[in-house]
Amino acid sequence: MSKHLAGQWLLNSYEKTIKLGQTDKDGTLYDVTTITLYDGSYMGIKIYGLDDLDMIFAVSEDTANYLSGYFE
């Protein structure tokens, strides 16, 4: 089954926890999750830090059309 990328969102608002004795953050943002919309009413979610959990599943055509509106 071939899937073509229709759009993608990346959430990267995670900053590593400050350790005891550390006084300053480094300001680096790390990837938290990626949500991908594919042509043909498929959607993927990848969650980083959970052994890079990666799932692809079918969504209704109405849902796919609604989400694809964010990329127009």
Protein backbone atom coordinates (compact mmCIF):
# COMPACT_ATOMS: atom_id res chain seq x y z
CA MET A 1 0.00 0.00 0.00
CA SER A 2 1.58 3.24 -1.17
CA LYS A 3 0.92 6.43 0.76
CA HIS A 4 1.71 9.93 -0.50
CA LEU A 5 2.32 12.69 2.00
CA ALA A 6 -0.48 15.27 2.07
CA GLY A 7 0.77 17.28 5.07
CA GLN A 8 2.62 17.07 8.33
CA TRP A 9 2.62 18.74 11.75
CA LEU A 10 5.62 18.59 14.08
CA LEU A 11 5.33 19.43 17.76
CA ASN A 12 8.68 20.31 19.30
CA SER A 13 8.06 22.18 22.50
CA TYR A 14 9.87 19.87 24.86
CA GLU A 15 12.95 20.97 26.74
CA LYS A 16 15.02 18.52 28.77
CA THR A 17 14.51 18.53 32.52
CA ILE A 18 16.92 20.67 34.51
CA LYS A 19 19.10 18.52 36.74
CA LEU A 20 20.06 19.26 40.32
CA GLY A 21 22.71 21.98 40.38
CA GLN A 22 22.02 23.15 36.82
CA THR A 23 21.25 26.86 36.74
CA ASP A 24 20.42 27.53 33.09
CA LYS A 25 18.44 25.90 30.29
CA ASP A 26 20.12 25.47 26.93
CA GLY A 27 17.00 26.59 25.03
CA THR A 28 17.02 23.55 22.75
CA LEU A 29 13.59 22.25 21.75
CA TYR A 30 13.17 18.53 21.14
CA ASP A 31 10.61 16.73 18.98
CA VAL A 32 7.61 15.44 20.90
CA THR A 33 5.36 14.07 18.17
CA THR A 34 4.76 14.16 14.44
CA ILE A 35 1.28 13.93 12.96
CA THR A 36 1.25 13.04 9.27
CA LEU A 37 -1.69 13.11 6.85
CA TYR A 38 -1.46 10.88 3.80
CA ASP A 39 -3.54 10.89 0.61
CA GLY A 40 -6.22 8.23 0.66
CA SER A 41 -7.58 8.95 4.16
CA TYR A 42 -4.63 7.68 6.21
CA MET A 43 -3.01 9.38 9.19
CA GLY A 44 0.17 8.63 11.07
CA ILE A 45 1.27 9.55 14.57
CA LYS A 46 4.85 9.21 15.76
CA ILE A 47 5.57 9.78 19.46
CA TYR A 48 9.23 10.28 20.32
CA GLY A 49 10.67 8.99 23.57
CA LEU A 50 8.41 5.94 23.71
CA ASP A 51 10.81 3.84 21.66
CA ASP A 52 9.63 6.08 18.81
CA LEU A 53 6.08 4.71 18.75
CA ASP A 54 4.84 5.01 15.16
CA MET A 55 1.26 4.21 14.08
CA ILE A 56 -0.55 4.59 10.76
CA PHE A 57 -4.32 4.19 10.62
CA ALA A 58 -7.29 4.92 8.38
CA VAL A 59 -9.56 7.90 9.06
CA SER A 60 -12.90 8.77 7.52
CA GLU A 61 -12.92 10.71 4.28
CA ASP A 62 -14.61 13.64 6.07
CA THR A 63 -11.82 13.73 8.66
CA ALA A 64 -9.11 13.57 5.98
CA ASN A 65 -10.77 16.40 4.03
CA TYR A 66 -11.07 18.53 7.16
CA LEU A 67 -7.40 18.03 8.11
CA SER A 68 -6.15 18.60 4.56
CA GLY A 69 -7.78 22.06 4.74
CA TYR A 70 -4.87 23.13 6.97
CA PHE A 71 -2.48 22.63 4.05
CA GLU A 72 -4.35 24.69 1.44
